[in-house]
Amino acid sequence: MEEILKNYEMTIGIECHVQLKTKTKLFSASDNDARDKAPNEATSPIDFGLPGMLPVLNKEAVRLAIRAGKALNATIANVSRFDRKHYFYPDLPKGYQTSQLYQPIIGEGKIEAVLPNGETFEVRIEHAHLEEDAGKLTHNGDHSLVDLNRAGTPLIEIVSMPDIHSAEQARAYAEELHKRMIFAGVSDGDLYQGNMRFDVNISARKFGDPELGTRTEIKNLNSFRSVERAAAYEFERQVKLLEKGEKVKQETRGWLDDEQKTFSQRSKEEAQDYRYMPDPDIPPIVLSDEEIAKIQANFPKMPDEFRKYFAVFELDNSVVEYALADYRLAELLLATWGEGWNVSQEDLVKGYEIENYTIEQHKENMKRIFNLFASTPMEDIDLQKVHDGYVGPRRLTYLAKLIQDGKISSNGAREIFLSLFEEENLSKMPEDIAKEKNLLQVSDEGAIAKIVEEVLADPASAKAVADIKAGNDKAIGFLIGQIMKKSQGKANPALAQKLIRERL
């Protein structure tokens, strides 16, 4: 099947629903945070669509949408309007959804996404529009339950152009959108809570065919893995149909994560099926260029900006993307390096008050700091302490300097690193923690040389010595192990190895 798939091109466009982190809903004063609330508790007569209820537009939702547009490198409309999208579902009691079809608030844009191998690709944004979310249905055998806590939640729906051509690219684009919406501060981005959901529109055609194939839409994917796997499965399903001479139906499909396959839900509606009409109850949003610029001022750095700063370290792409998993961490690492902040590199290095410390040494130590974070599960790091300044550039730099000077081992560095986040150590420097935990290595050449002589003279070392002399370099590990044992783990292993080689 793999050979057959190579004859076909996958084309994907993604619609991403982003919940905006406002205190109240898009058109009512209901609480926008439904976590831990009983069903239908965070609602009002407006959310239920009761007769005579008039919506009032949430100004903060508009502000966040304008900020999101900046994160998408997109234009913002000076005039945008709301429309009614008519369809009846039990979780949409009004019988229509308030959305934007004809004049969306966010226009054309583009973003650059990064594949795991570090390659980049560009995806154009067609537009993004403001709309309200529907409620939630829970199906139980022969009946369904309706929860309208989510009804009226403010969303922006980001619609991409069909610029994505592999399942791997689909995932990378979804991950990049997720980072941007969080970095811009417009959404909490909690996928488990449904803060961001992805609809994947996918079609297959033979390479060289002038027309795109018939597309299907896979709805409501709430994990990056699901985006990637659903796209891969659906592409193969469509190719199998085409190879048999059958047609692909234009339809909406769901994703069964347990079975790792898509399933048909309903035939795909077109715009005319929804009977869009301008909403007469909501005035247009009118914005001047000055108002837009003011709302978008003091904008945080986006992932691609951080990547440019971090490129100097020539790190593995996975390490860089780990650093970008949380804005607080990315900011901390950039502040530790100093690039991009209102301080010269020379002044920053001098500010650490480390004798004879150079920018080149600091660059190498930054790699050590990146790797300390990247080799630690994110759940083991208290990023709130990073945010509060307890774990900051100075302590991290001093820890990296201990590694550079050979004063601590890699295992010791890991233990000290995790200790930095502990409540009782928040005011302690790394060397103080190392002393308390007895983790400082002995780098006194005379002291280690004495232990080396003892180990080499030990009859138990004779075979290892003979093996090394015969060219089996791996045998040196046994001798270093004996030295570490005799020194109670305090000997600098690099110095010990140097001394062994000198004597043999």
Protein backbone atom coordinates (compact mmCIF):
# COMPACT_ATOMS: atom_id res chain seq x y z
CA MET A 1 0.00 0.00 0.00
CA GLU A 2 2.90 2.35 0.72
CA GLU A 3 4.00 2.26 -2.92
CA ILE A 4 0.45 3.05 -4.09
CA LEU A 5 0.17 5.97 -1.64
CA LYS A 6 3.27 7.54 -3.21
CA ASN A 7 1.27 8.05 -6.41
CA TYR A 8 -1.24 10.29 -4.64
CA GLU A 9 -1.03 13.77 -3.19
CA MET A 10 -2.61 14.54 0.18
CA THR A 11 -4.16 18.00 0.46
CA ILE A 12 -5.30 19.33 3.82
CA GLY A 13 -6.89 22.50 5.12
CA ILE A 14 -7.57 22.83 8.84
CA GLU A 15 -10.26 24.76 10.67
CA CYS A 16 -9.20 25.41 14.25
CA HIS A 17 -11.70 26.51 16.92
CA VAL A 18 -10.01 28.53 19.65
CA GLN A 19 -11.85 29.35 22.88
CA LEU A 20 -11.01 32.89 23.96
CA LYS A 21 -10.18 33.30 27.64
CA THR A 22 -12.73 35.92 28.56
CA LYS A 23 -14.45 36.03 31.95
CA THR A 24 -17.92 35.98 30.38
CA LYS A 25 -19.49 34.60 27.23
CA LEU A 26 -19.63 36.24 23.82
CA PHE A 27 -23.12 37.72 24.16
CA SER A 28 -24.12 37.20 27.80
CA ALA A 29 -22.79 37.80 31.31
CA SER A 30 -22.63 34.05 32.05
CA ASP A 31 -19.38 32.66 33.47
CA ASN A 32 -17.13 31.50 30.63
CA ASP A 33 -15.36 28.94 32.85
CA ALA A 34 -17.57 25.84 33.10
CA ARG A 35 -14.95 23.61 34.73
CA ASP A 36 -16.26 21.86 37.86
CA LYS A 37 -19.73 23.31 37.31
CA ALA A 38 -22.93 21.30 37.21
CA PRO A 39 -24.56 20.92 33.77
CA ASN A 40 -26.45 24.03 32.63
CA GLU A 41 -25.20 26.05 35.60
CA ALA A 42 -23.09 28.60 33.68
CA THR A 43 -26.01 29.81 31.58
CA SER A 44 -28.48 32.65 31.20
CA PRO A 45 -31.73 33.26 29.27
CA ILE A 46 -29.58 34.61 26.42
CA ASP A 47 -27.65 31.32 26.20
CA PHE A 48 -30.94 29.40 26.14
CA GLY A 49 -32.18 31.60 23.31
CA LEU A 50 -35.40 32.51 25.08
CA PRO A 51 -37.78 34.91 23.27
CA GLY A 52 -37.09 38.61 23.78
CA MET A 53 -33.45 38.13 24.85
CA LEU A 54 -31.00 40.47 23.09
CA PRO A 55 -27.25 39.74 22.82
CA VAL A 56 -24.61 42.24 23.98
CA LEU A 57 -21.18 41.80 22.38
CA ASN A 58 -18.27 41.10 24.74
CA LYS A 59 -15.65 43.80 24.10
CA GLU A 60 -12.84 41.66 25.54
CA ALA A 61 -13.56 38.91 23.00
CA VAL A 62 -13.08 41.45 20.21
CA ARG A 63 -9.80 42.62 21.78
CA LEU A 64 -8.49 39.04 22.03
CA ALA A 65 -9.52 38.30 18.44
CA ILE A 66 -7.50 41.32 17.28
CA ARG A 67 -4.50 40.04 19.29
CA ALA A 68 -4.95 36.59 17.74
CA GLY A 69 -4.87 38.20 14.29
CA LYS A 70 -1.46 39.64 15.10
CA ALA A 71 -0.23 36.15 16.05
CA LEU A 72 -1.44 34.93 12.63
CA ASN A 73 0.36 37.76 10.80
CA ALA A 74 -3.08 38.65 9.49
CA THR A 75 -4.94 41.81 8.58
CA ILE A 76 -7.74 43.08 10.82
CA ALA A 77 -10.94 44.35 9.24
CA ASN A 78 -11.96 47.92 9.97
CA VAL A 79 -15.58 46.79 9.70
CA SER A 80 -16.80 43.27 10.52
CA ARG A 81 -20.33 41.92 11.01
CA PHE A 82 -22.14 38.97 12.54
CA ASP A 83 -24.38 36.54 10.67
CA ARG A 84 -26.84 33.86 11.65
CA LYS A 85 -25.92 30.31 10.61
CA HIS A 86 -29.15 28.32 10.74
CA TYR A 87 -29.26 24.70 11.78
CA PHE A 88 -31.10 22.88 14.51
CA TYR A 89 -29.35 20.71 17.07
CA PRO A 90 -30.56 20.06 20.61
CA ASP A 91 -27.42 21.82 21.92
CA LEU A 92 -28.28 24.97 19.91
CA PRO A 93 -31.71 26.02 21.23
CA LYS A 94 -31.86 29.28 19.22
CA GLY A 95 -31.90 27.29 15.98
CA TYR A 96 -28.95 29.30 14.66
CA GLN A 97 -25.35 30.03 15.57
CA THR A 98 -24.09 33.60 15.65
CA SER A 99 -20.98 33.64 13.47
CA GLN A 100 -19.24 35.72 10.79
CA LEU A 101 -19.39 34.61 7.14
CA TYR A 102 -19.42 37.66 4.91
CA GLN A 103 -17.23 40.08 6.86
CA PRO A 104 -14.95 38.28 9.36
CA ILE A 105 -12.84 40.27 11.79
CA ILE A 106 -9.51 38.62 10.81
CA GLY A 107 -8.40 38.58 7.18
CA GLU A 108 -5.60 36.86 5.29
CA GLY A 109 -2.45 35.85 7.14
CA LYS A 110 0.27 33.19 7.22
CA ILE A 111 2.39 31.29 9.71
CA GLU A 112 5.50 29.13 9.49
CA ALA A 113 5.42 25.70 11.12
CA VAL A 114 8.34 23.39 11.96
CA LEU A 115 8.63 19.65 11.29
CA PRO A 116 10.43 17.36 13.80
CA ASN A 117 13.54 17.36 11.57
CA GLY A 118 13.72 21.15 11.76
CA GLU A 119 12.41 21.84 8.24
CA THR A 120 9.88 24.68 7.98
CA PHE A 121 6.85 25.17 5.75
CA GLU A 122 4.38 28.01 5.33
CA VAL A 123 0.61 27.79 5.70
CA ARG A 124 -1.60 30.63 4.52
CA ILE A 125 -4.55 31.69 6.65
CA GLU A 126 -7.68 32.37 4.61
CA HIS A 127 -9.42 34.19 7.46
CA ALA A 128 -10.52 33.79 11.08
CA HIS A 129 -13.92 34.76 12.39
CA LEU A 130 -15.59 35.33 15.74
CA GLU A 131 -18.46 33.05 16.68
CA GLU A 132 -20.23 31.50 19.65
CA ASP A 133 -19.82 27.85 20.60
CA ALA A 134 -22.72 25.44 20.80
CA GLY A 135 -23.52 23.33 23.86
CA LYS A 136 -22.55 19.74 24.48
CA LEU A 137 -24.48 16.51 23.94
CA THR A 138 -23.79 13.37 25.98
CA HIS A 139 -25.20 10.22 24.40
CA ASN A 140 -26.41 7.40 26.68
CA GLY A 141 -27.86 4.45 24.81
CA ASP A 142 -31.39 5.43 23.79
CA HIS A 143 -31.25 9.03 25.02
CA SER A 144 -29.01 12.11 24.99
CA LEU A 145 -28.38 14.77 27.62
CA VAL A 146 -27.89 18.46 26.82
CA ASP A 147 -25.43 20.69 28.70
CA LEU A 148 -25.46 24.36 27.63
CA ASN A 149 -22.58 25.50 29.84
CA ARG A 150 -20.44 25.82 26.71
CA ALA A 151 -23.17 27.53 24.64
CA GLY A 152 -22.15 31.10 23.89
CA THR A 153 -18.45 30.60 24.66
CA PRO A 154 -16.48 33.02 22.46
CA LEU A 155 -14.47 31.36 19.72
CA ILE A 156 -12.35 32.34 16.81
CA GLU A 157 -12.34 29.83 13.97
CA ILE A 158 -9.04 29.94 12.08
CA VAL A 159 -9.43 28.67 8.52
CA SER A 160 -6.26 27.68 6.69
CA MET A 161 -5.71 27.42 2.96
CA PRO A 162 -5.11 23.84 1.63
CA ASP A 163 -1.33 24.22 1.97
CA ILE A 164 -0.71 21.09 4.06
CA HIS A 165 0.41 17.94 2.27
CA SER A 166 1.21 15.29 4.86
CA ALA A 167 -0.09 14.02 8.18
CA GLU A 168 3.17 15.13 9.78
CA GLN A 169 2.67 18.66 8.46
CA ALA A 170 -0.92 18.68 9.77
CA ARG A 171 0.32 17.92 13.26
CA ALA A 172 3.13 20.48 13.07
CA TYR A 173 0.69 23.19 11.93
CA ALA A 174 -1.74 22.35 14.76
CA GLU A 175 1.11 22.50 17.30
CA GLU A 176 2.29 25.85 15.93
CA LEU A 177 -1.23 27.33 16.14
CA HIS A 178 -1.50 26.07 19.71
CA LYS A 179 1.76 27.74 20.73
CA ARG A 180 0.82 31.01 19.06
CA MET A 181 -2.58 31.28 20.68
CA ILE A 182 -1.08 30.62 24.13
CA PHE A 183 1.94 32.92 23.62
CA ALA A 184 -0.41 35.68 22.43
CA GLY A 185 -2.43 35.24 25.64
CA VAL A 186 -5.75 34.79 23.84
CA SER A 187 -6.54 31.21 24.96
CA ASP A 188 -5.61 28.81 27.75
CA GLY A 189 -5.09 26.19 25.05
CA ASP A 190 -6.13 23.28 27.28
CA LEU A 191 -6.83 20.55 24.72
CA TYR A 192 -8.36 18.25 27.33
CA GLN A 193 -10.92 20.92 28.18
CA GLY A 194 -11.60 21.56 24.49
CA ASN A 195 -10.04 25.05 24.45
CA MET A 196 -8.77 24.24 20.96
CA ARG A 197 -10.35 21.77 18.55
CA PHE A 198 -9.33 20.91 15.01
CA ASP A 199 -11.43 20.03 11.95
CA VAL A 200 -9.29 18.42 9.24
CA ASN A 201 -10.48 18.80 5.65
CA ILE A 202 -8.64 16.25 3.51
CA SER A 203 -8.65 15.05 -0.10
CA ALA A 204 -6.52 12.75 -2.24
CA ARG A 205 -5.64 13.03 -5.93
CA LYS A 206 -3.09 11.47 -8.23
CA PHE A 207 -0.01 13.58 -8.78
CA GLY A 208 -0.52 15.53 -11.99
CA ASP A 209 -4.31 15.72 -11.74
CA PRO A 210 -5.39 19.36 -12.24
CA GLU A 211 -8.40 19.16 -9.91
CA LEU A 212 -8.40 18.55 -6.16
CA GLY A 213 -10.14 15.38 -5.02
CA THR A 214 -13.43 15.27 -3.13
CA ARG A 215 -12.79 16.29 0.46
CA THR A 216 -14.07 14.91 3.72
CA GLU A 217 -14.03 16.76 7.03
CA ILE A 218 -12.91 15.02 10.21
CA LYS A 219 -14.52 16.91 13.09
CA ASN A 220 -13.53 17.87 16.62
CA LEU A 221 -10.03 16.45 17.02
CA ASN A 222 -8.59 17.57 20.35
CA SER A 223 -5.03 16.24 20.31
CA PHE A 224 -2.06 16.63 18.00
CA ARG A 225 -1.67 12.87 17.75
CA SER A 226 -5.30 12.54 16.63
CA VAL A 227 -4.78 15.19 13.95
CA GLU A 228 -1.80 13.29 12.56
CA ARG A 229 -3.27 9.79 12.77
CA ALA A 230 -6.73 10.76 11.53
CA ALA A 231 -5.20 12.47 8.49
CA ALA A 232 -3.01 9.45 7.71
CA TYR A 233 -5.93 7.01 8.06
CA GLU A 234 -8.37 9.08 6.02
CA PHE A 235 -5.87 9.61 3.20
CA GLU A 236 -5.27 5.87 2.92
CA ARG A 237 -9.02 5.19 3.05
CA GLN A 238 -9.66 7.60 0.20
CA VAL A 239 -6.81 6.20 -1.90
CA LYS A 240 -8.16 2.66 -1.49
CA LEU A 241 -11.56 3.81 -2.77
CA LEU A 242 -10.01 5.60 -5.75
CA GLU A 243 -7.86 2.58 -6.60
CA LYS A 244 -11.03 0.47 -6.74
CA GLY A 245 -12.64 2.97 -9.10
CA GLU A 246 -15.10 4.19 -6.45
CA LYS A 247 -15.89 7.80 -5.57
CA VAL A 248 -15.12 9.55 -2.31
CA LYS A 249 -18.27 11.00 -0.72
CA GLN A 250 -18.20 14.58 0.48
CA GLU A 251 -19.13 14.11 4.11
CA THR A 252 -18.40 14.88 7.73
CA ARG A 253 -16.60 12.11 9.57
CA GLY A 254 -15.69 11.48 13.20
CA TRP A 255 -12.57 9.91 14.69
CA LEU A 256 -12.62 6.80 16.88
CA ASP A 257 -9.42 7.11 18.88
CA ASP A 258 -9.73 3.62 20.40
CA GLU A 259 -10.02 2.03 16.96
CA GLN A 260 -7.79 4.53 15.15
CA LYS A 261 -10.21 5.05 12.27
CA THR A 262 -12.70 7.59 10.93
CA PHE A 263 -16.44 6.95 10.57
CA SER A 264 -19.23 8.63 8.63
CA GLN A 265 -21.42 11.11 10.54
CA ARG A 266 -23.42 13.02 7.93
CA SER A 267 -23.29 14.35 4.38
CA LYS A 268 -21.30 17.57 4.18
CA GLU A 269 -23.33 20.75 4.21
CA GLU A 270 -22.47 23.73 2.00
CA ALA A 271 -22.88 27.40 2.93
CA GLN A 272 -26.29 27.62 1.26
CA ASP A 273 -27.57 24.78 3.46
CA TYR A 274 -27.11 26.96 6.52
CA ARG A 275 -29.20 29.86 5.12
CA TYR A 276 -26.79 32.52 6.37
CA MET A 277 -28.28 35.96 6.95
CA PRO A 278 -26.97 39.15 8.62
CA ASP A 279 -27.79 39.25 12.33
CA PRO A 280 -30.11 42.22 12.87
CA ASP A 281 -29.54 42.35 16.66
CA ILE A 282 -25.78 42.97 16.70
CA PRO A 283 -24.26 46.22 15.36
CA PRO A 284 -21.13 45.96 13.17
CA ILE A 285 -17.69 46.10 14.80
CA VAL A 286 -16.05 49.31 13.56
CA LEU A 287 -12.33 49.76 14.27
CA SER A 288 -9.89 52.47 13.27
CA ASP A 289 -6.29 51.66 12.36
CA GLU A 290 -5.22 53.51 15.52
CA GLU A 291 -7.46 51.35 17.72
CA ILE A 292 -6.13 48.16 16.12
CA ALA A 293 -2.51 49.29 16.60
CA LYS A 294 -3.18 50.17 20.25
CA ILE A 295 -4.72 46.74 20.96
CA GLN A 296 -1.80 44.97 19.26
CA ALA A 297 0.90 47.01 21.02
CA ASN A 298 3.35 45.42 23.47
CA PHE A 299 2.90 42.10 21.73
CA PRO A 300 4.78 39.08 23.13
CA LYS A 301 7.38 37.23 21.10
CA MET A 302 6.04 34.46 18.89
CA PRO A 303 7.62 30.98 18.57
CA ASP A 304 9.45 31.81 15.33
CA GLU A 305 11.14 34.79 17.02
CA PHE A 306 12.36 32.59 19.88
CA ARG A 307 13.63 30.02 17.37
CA LYS A 308 15.75 32.68 15.65
CA TYR A 309 17.35 33.65 18.96
CA PHE A 310 17.89 30.02 19.96
CA ALA A 311 19.39 29.03 16.57
CA VAL A 312 22.80 30.27 17.73
CA PHE A 313 23.08 27.26 20.06
CA GLU A 314 22.70 24.69 17.23
CA LEU A 315 20.49 22.50 19.39
CA ASP A 316 18.47 19.51 18.32
CA ASN A 317 15.03 20.64 17.14
CA SER A 318 13.31 18.58 19.84
CA VAL A 319 15.21 20.53 22.53
CA VAL A 320 14.12 23.87 21.05
CA GLU A 321 10.48 22.77 20.77
CA TYR A 322 10.57 21.58 24.38
CA ALA A 323 11.70 25.07 25.38
CA LEU A 324 8.75 26.49 23.45
CA ALA A 325 6.24 24.25 25.21
CA ASP A 326 5.60 27.05 27.71
CA TYR A 327 6.04 30.78 27.23
CA ARG A 328 7.47 31.23 30.75
CA LEU A 329 10.23 28.74 29.99
CA ALA A 330 11.05 30.30 26.60
CA GLU A 331 11.29 33.74 28.22
CA LEU A 332 13.50 32.44 31.03
CA LEU A 333 15.95 30.86 28.59
CA LEU A 334 16.07 33.99 26.46
CA ALA A 335 16.62 36.14 29.55
CA THR A 336 19.44 33.80 30.67
CA TRP A 337 21.16 34.21 27.31
CA GLY A 338 20.39 37.92 27.19
CA GLU A 339 19.85 38.22 23.45
CA GLY A 340 16.74 40.20 22.53
CA TRP A 341 16.60 41.96 25.89
CA ASN A 342 17.61 45.52 26.74
CA VAL A 343 21.09 44.55 27.84
CA SER A 344 24.28 43.97 25.87
CA GLN A 345 25.79 40.49 25.87
CA GLU A 346 28.99 41.87 27.44
CA ASP A 347 27.11 43.58 30.27
CA LEU A 348 25.04 40.46 30.91
CA VAL A 349 28.11 38.22 31.21
CA LYS A 350 29.80 40.76 33.48
CA GLY A 351 26.62 40.96 35.52
CA TYR A 352 26.92 37.32 36.46
CA GLU A 353 30.13 38.30 38.31
CA ILE A 354 31.96 35.12 37.39
CA GLU A 355 35.71 35.57 37.12
CA ASN A 356 37.04 35.43 33.54
CA TYR A 357 33.61 34.42 32.24
CA THR A 358 33.30 34.94 28.47
CA ILE A 359 30.41 35.09 26.02
CA GLU A 360 31.64 31.88 24.37
CA GLN A 361 31.64 30.08 27.72
CA HIS A 362 28.14 31.43 28.38
CA LYS A 363 27.01 30.11 24.99
CA GLU A 364 28.26 26.61 25.87
CA ASN A 365 26.60 26.84 29.28
CA MET A 366 23.32 27.81 27.63
CA LYS A 367 23.39 24.44 25.84
CA ARG A 368 23.83 22.75 29.22
CA ILE A 369 20.85 24.69 30.61
CA PHE A 370 18.65 23.83 27.61
CA ASN A 371 19.50 20.17 27.98
CA LEU A 372 18.84 20.16 31.72
CA PHE A 373 15.31 21.31 31.00
CA ALA A 374 14.77 19.12 27.92
CA SER A 375 15.84 15.95 29.75
CA THR A 376 13.31 16.61 32.53
CA PRO A 377 9.59 15.77 32.15
CA MET A 378 7.61 19.01 32.06
CA GLU A 379 5.42 17.85 34.94
CA ASP A 380 8.52 17.74 37.19
CA ILE A 381 9.20 21.44 36.66
CA ASP A 382 7.26 24.07 38.62
CA LEU A 383 7.02 26.80 36.01
CA GLN A 384 5.16 29.04 38.40
CA LYS A 385 8.42 29.38 40.36
CA VAL A 386 10.07 30.32 37.06
CA HIS A 387 7.35 32.91 36.51
CA ASP A 388 7.73 34.24 40.07
CA GLY A 389 11.49 34.65 39.58
CA TYR A 390 12.69 32.06 42.12
CA VAL A 391 14.38 29.99 39.42
CA GLY A 392 16.02 32.61 37.27
CA PRO A 393 18.99 33.29 34.97
CA ARG A 394 21.60 33.73 37.71
CA ARG A 395 21.05 30.41 39.51
CA LEU A 396 20.83 28.50 36.22
CA THR A 397 24.05 30.08 34.94
CA TYR A 398 25.89 29.28 38.17
CA LEU A 399 24.70 25.67 37.95
CA ALA A 400 25.96 25.39 34.36
CA LYS A 401 29.29 26.89 35.46
CA LEU A 402 29.67 24.13 38.08
CA ILE A 403 29.28 21.57 35.27
CA GLN A 404 31.72 23.49 33.04
CA ASP A 405 34.34 23.58 35.79
CA GLY A 406 33.95 19.85 36.47
CA LYS A 407 32.85 20.50 40.03
CA ILE A 408 29.75 18.31 39.72
CA SER A 409 28.85 15.24 37.68
CA SER A 410 25.95 15.06 35.22
CA ASN A 411 23.93 13.11 37.80
CA GLY A 412 24.78 15.68 40.44
CA ALA A 413 23.74 18.48 38.09
CA ARG A 414 20.37 16.81 37.56
CA GLU A 415 19.82 16.49 41.33
CA ILE A 416 20.78 20.12 41.97
CA PHE A 417 18.61 21.31 39.05
CA LEU A 418 15.51 19.67 40.49
CA SER A 419 16.41 20.97 43.94
CA LEU A 420 16.30 24.56 42.66
CA PHE A 421 12.51 24.25 42.46
CA GLU A 422 12.07 22.96 46.02
CA GLU A 423 10.58 25.40 48.50
CA GLU A 424 13.43 25.12 51.02
CA ASN A 425 16.04 25.86 48.33
CA LEU A 426 14.47 28.86 46.60
CA SER A 427 17.02 31.28 48.06
CA LYS A 428 20.07 29.00 47.80
CA MET A 429 22.73 29.08 45.10
CA PRO A 430 23.61 25.82 43.29
CA GLU A 431 27.00 25.46 44.97
CA ASP A 432 25.40 25.70 48.41
CA ILE A 433 22.97 22.93 47.46
CA ALA A 434 25.86 20.87 46.08
CA LYS A 435 27.73 21.19 49.39
CA GLU A 436 24.66 20.26 51.44
CA LYS A 437 24.07 17.18 49.30
CA ASN A 438 27.77 16.28 49.22
CA LEU A 439 27.78 16.42 45.40
CA LEU A 440 30.94 18.46 44.78
CA GLN A 441 33.53 16.47 42.83
CA VAL A 442 37.19 16.31 43.78
CA SER A 443 39.25 17.92 41.03
CA ASP A 444 42.48 18.02 43.00
CA GLU A 445 44.86 16.25 40.62
CA GLY A 446 47.16 15.13 43.42
CA ALA A 447 44.36 13.56 45.45
CA ILE A 448 42.90 11.74 42.44
CA ALA A 449 46.36 10.63 41.24
CA LYS A 450 46.87 8.86 44.55
CA ILE A 451 43.59 6.93 44.12
CA VAL A 452 44.50 6.12 40.49
CA GLU A 453 47.81 4.60 41.63
CA GLU A 454 46.00 2.48 44.25
CA VAL A 455 43.46 1.19 41.70
CA LEU A 456 46.12 0.39 39.07
CA ALA A 457 48.19 -1.48 41.69
CA ASP A 458 45.18 -3.54 42.79
CA PRO A 459 45.37 -7.15 41.39
CA ALA A 460 41.65 -6.91 40.60
CA SER A 461 42.53 -4.29 37.97
CA ALA A 462 45.16 -6.39 36.18
CA LYS A 463 42.81 -7.73 33.49
CA ALA A 464 41.40 -4.27 32.71
CA VAL A 465 44.92 -2.83 32.46
CA ALA A 466 45.96 -5.66 30.10
CA ASP A 467 42.83 -5.17 27.97
CA ILE A 468 43.49 -1.43 27.63
CA LYS A 469 47.09 -2.06 26.60
CA ALA A 470 45.79 -4.59 24.05
CA GLY A 471 43.59 -1.91 22.49
CA ASN A 472 40.27 -2.58 24.26
CA ASP A 473 39.50 1.00 25.26
CA LYS A 474 36.15 0.12 26.85
CA ALA A 475 37.94 -1.56 29.75
CA ILE A 476 38.82 1.88 31.11
CA GLY A 477 35.24 2.08 32.39
CA PHE A 478 36.01 -0.60 34.98
CA LEU A 479 38.97 1.36 36.32
CA ILE A 480 37.00 4.62 36.51
CA GLY A 481 34.25 2.76 38.34
CA GLN A 482 36.78 1.56 40.93
CA ILE A 483 38.12 5.10 41.33
CA MET A 484 34.62 6.48 41.83
CA LYS A 485 33.96 3.76 44.41
CA LYS A 486 37.13 4.55 46.37
CA SER A 487 36.42 8.30 46.25
CA GLN A 488 32.78 7.76 47.29
CA GLY A 489 31.66 9.24 43.96
CA LYS A 490 33.52 12.51 44.43
CA ALA A 491 36.37 12.08 41.94
CA ASN A 492 36.10 14.02 38.69
CA PRO A 493 35.75 11.13 36.18
CA ALA A 494 37.21 13.14 33.26
CA LEU A 495 40.34 13.92 35.29
CA ALA A 496 40.53 10.32 36.49
CA GLN A 497 40.42 9.06 32.88
CA LYS A 498 43.14 11.53 31.86
CA LEU A 499 45.42 10.33 34.67
CA ILE A 500 44.80 6.65 33.84
CA ARG A 501 45.75 7.23 30.20
CA GLU A 502 48.89 9.09 31.19
CA ARG A 503 50.02 6.20 33.39
CA LEU A 504 49.22 3.49 30.84
